[in-house]
Amino acid sequence: MAVQNKISSALRLVFIDGLGEDGLPVYKNKSIRNVKTDTDADQLYQIALAFAGLQERELNRIERKDSSDVQES
């Protein structure tokens, strides 16, 4: 049986940076790396809101990117 071990985690904030020529939103990303892998969703949400409050752009969404090592147990 295989096991999965989280090896890294990052938080990505996606902001709206205006409208393009086609009238669709243009997005800008800000990444925060080296997030503890055991950080829960509520903690990440609060951190993201704090960082978003320092930005001029409107926050569109918050993403978490995890990397894992999968190996035989």
C-alpha atoms as a PDB file:
ATOM      1  CA  MET A   1       0.000   0.000   0.000  1.00  0.00           C
ATOM      2  CA  ALA A   2       1.254   3.498  -0.815  1.00  0.00           C
ATOM      3  CA  VAL A   3       1.446   6.466   1.527  1.00  0.00           C
ATOM      4  CA  GLN A   4       1.424  10.167   0.781  1.00  0.00           C
ATOM      5  CA  ASN A   5       3.603  12.661   2.669  1.00  0.00           C
ATOM      6  CA  LYS A   6       3.206  16.396   2.150  1.00  0.00           C
ATOM      7  CA  ILE A   7       6.621  17.895   1.474  1.00  0.00           C
ATOM      8  CA  SER A   8       5.726  21.527   0.753  1.00  0.00           C
ATOM      9  CA  SER A   9       2.817  23.915   0.677  1.00  0.00           C
ATOM     10  CA  ALA A  10       2.251  27.388  -0.791  1.00  0.00           C
ATOM     11  CA  LEU A  11      -0.503  29.969  -0.649  1.00  0.00           C
ATOM     12  CA  ARG A  12      -1.496  31.812  -3.815  1.00  0.00           C
ATOM     13  CA  LEU A  13      -3.614  34.949  -3.869  1.00  0.00           C
ATOM     14  CA  VAL A  14      -5.278  35.795  -7.169  1.00  0.00           C
ATOM     15  CA  PHE A  15      -6.135  39.474  -7.693  1.00  0.00           C
ATOM     16  CA  ILE A  16      -8.150  41.251 -10.382  1.00  0.00           C
ATOM     17  CA  ASP A  17      -5.828  43.668 -12.202  1.00  0.00           C
ATOM     18  CA  GLY A  18      -8.424  45.423 -14.364  1.00  0.00           C
ATOM     19  CA  LEU A  19      -9.989  44.459 -17.666  1.00  0.00           C
ATOM     20  CA  GLY A  20      -8.277  43.391 -20.856  1.00  0.00           C
ATOM     21  CA  GLU A  21      -9.013  44.666 -24.360  1.00  0.00           C
ATOM     22  CA  ASP A  22     -11.638  41.939 -24.713  1.00  0.00           C
ATOM     23  CA  GLY A  23     -13.451  43.153 -21.589  1.00  0.00           C
ATOM     24  CA  LEU A  24     -12.499  40.084 -19.548  1.00  0.00           C
ATOM     25  CA  PRO A  25     -10.715  40.389 -16.193  1.00  0.00           C
ATOM     26  CA  VAL A  26      -6.917  40.266 -16.066  1.00  0.00           C
ATOM     27  CA  TYR A  27      -5.486  38.446 -13.050  1.00  0.00           C
ATOM     28  CA  LYS A  28      -2.259  38.879 -11.075  1.00  0.00           C
ATOM     29  CA  ASN A  29      -0.942  36.279  -8.638  1.00  0.00           C
ATOM     30  CA  LYS A  30       1.015  36.661  -5.419  1.00  0.00           C
ATOM     31  CA  SER A  31       2.540  33.522  -3.916  1.00  0.00           C
ATOM     32  CA  ILE A  32       3.625  32.879  -0.365  1.00  0.00           C
ATOM     33  CA  ARG A  33       5.919  29.873  -0.221  1.00  0.00           C
ATOM     34  CA  ASN A  34       7.170  27.700   2.623  1.00  0.00           C
ATOM     35  CA  VAL A  35       3.788  27.534   4.346  1.00  0.00           C
ATOM     36  CA  LYS A  36       3.770  24.865   7.045  1.00  0.00           C
ATOM     37  CA  THR A  37       2.177  21.734   5.631  1.00  0.00           C
ATOM     38  CA  ASP A  38       0.023  21.247   8.742  1.00  0.00           C
ATOM     39  CA  THR A  39      -1.565  24.725   8.532  1.00  0.00           C
ATOM     40  CA  ASP A  40      -5.349  24.373   8.388  1.00  0.00           C
ATOM     41  CA  ALA A  41      -7.737  26.143   6.007  1.00  0.00           C
ATOM     42  CA  ASP A  42      -8.979  28.677   8.596  1.00  0.00           C
ATOM     43  CA  GLN A  43      -5.430  29.812   9.354  1.00  0.00           C
ATOM     44  CA  LEU A  44      -4.595  30.146   5.664  1.00  0.00           C
ATOM     45  CA  TYR A  45      -7.759  32.124   5.057  1.00  0.00           C
ATOM     46  CA  GLN A  46      -6.910  34.608   7.816  1.00  0.00           C
ATOM     47  CA  ILE A  47      -3.350  35.004   6.506  1.00  0.00           C
ATOM     48  CA  ALA A  48      -4.632  35.545   2.966  1.00  0.00           C
ATOM     49  CA  LEU A  49      -7.090  38.221   4.110  1.00  0.00           C
ATOM     50  CA  ALA A  50      -4.331  40.011   6.009  1.00  0.00           C
ATOM     51  CA  PHE A  51      -2.059  40.071   2.945  1.00  0.00           C
ATOM     52  CA  ALA A  52      -4.936  41.044   0.645  1.00  0.00           C
ATOM     53  CA  GLY A  53      -5.669  44.012   2.883  1.00  0.00           C
ATOM     54  CA  LEU A  54      -2.213  45.357   2.057  1.00  0.00           C
ATOM     55  CA  GLN A  55      -2.833  45.248  -1.691  1.00  0.00           C
ATOM     56  CA  GLU A  56      -4.470  47.797  -3.964  1.00  0.00           C
ATOM     57  CA  ARG A  57      -6.048  45.138  -6.180  1.00  0.00           C
ATOM     58  CA  GLU A  58      -9.280  43.276  -5.407  1.00  0.00           C
ATOM     59  CA  LEU A  59      -8.860  39.706  -4.160  1.00  0.00           C
ATOM     60  CA  ASN A  60     -10.538  37.209  -6.494  1.00  0.00           C
ATOM     61  CA  ARG A  61      -9.663  33.872  -4.899  1.00  0.00           C
ATOM     62  CA  ILE A  62      -7.312  32.071  -2.529  1.00  0.00           C
ATOM     63  CA  GLU A  63      -5.534  28.873  -3.585  1.00  0.00           C
ATOM     64  CA  ARG A  64      -3.399  26.367  -1.727  1.00  0.00           C
ATOM     65  CA  LYS A  65      -0.803  24.376  -3.637  1.00  0.00           C
ATOM     66  CA  ASP A  66       0.530  21.230  -1.944  1.00  0.00           C
ATOM     67  CA  SER A  67       3.296  18.926  -3.117  1.00  0.00           C
ATOM     68  CA  SER A  68       3.470  15.378  -1.861  1.00  0.00           C
ATOM     69  CA  ASP A  69       5.839  12.457  -1.984  1.00  0.00           C
ATOM     70  CA  VAL A  70       4.073   9.161  -2.702  1.00  0.00           C
ATOM     71  CA  GLN A  71       5.888   5.978  -1.832  1.00  0.00           C
ATOM     72  CA  GLU A  72       5.346   2.409  -0.757  1.00  0.00           C
ATOM     73  CA  SER A  73       4.759   2.006   2.950  1.00  0.00           C
END
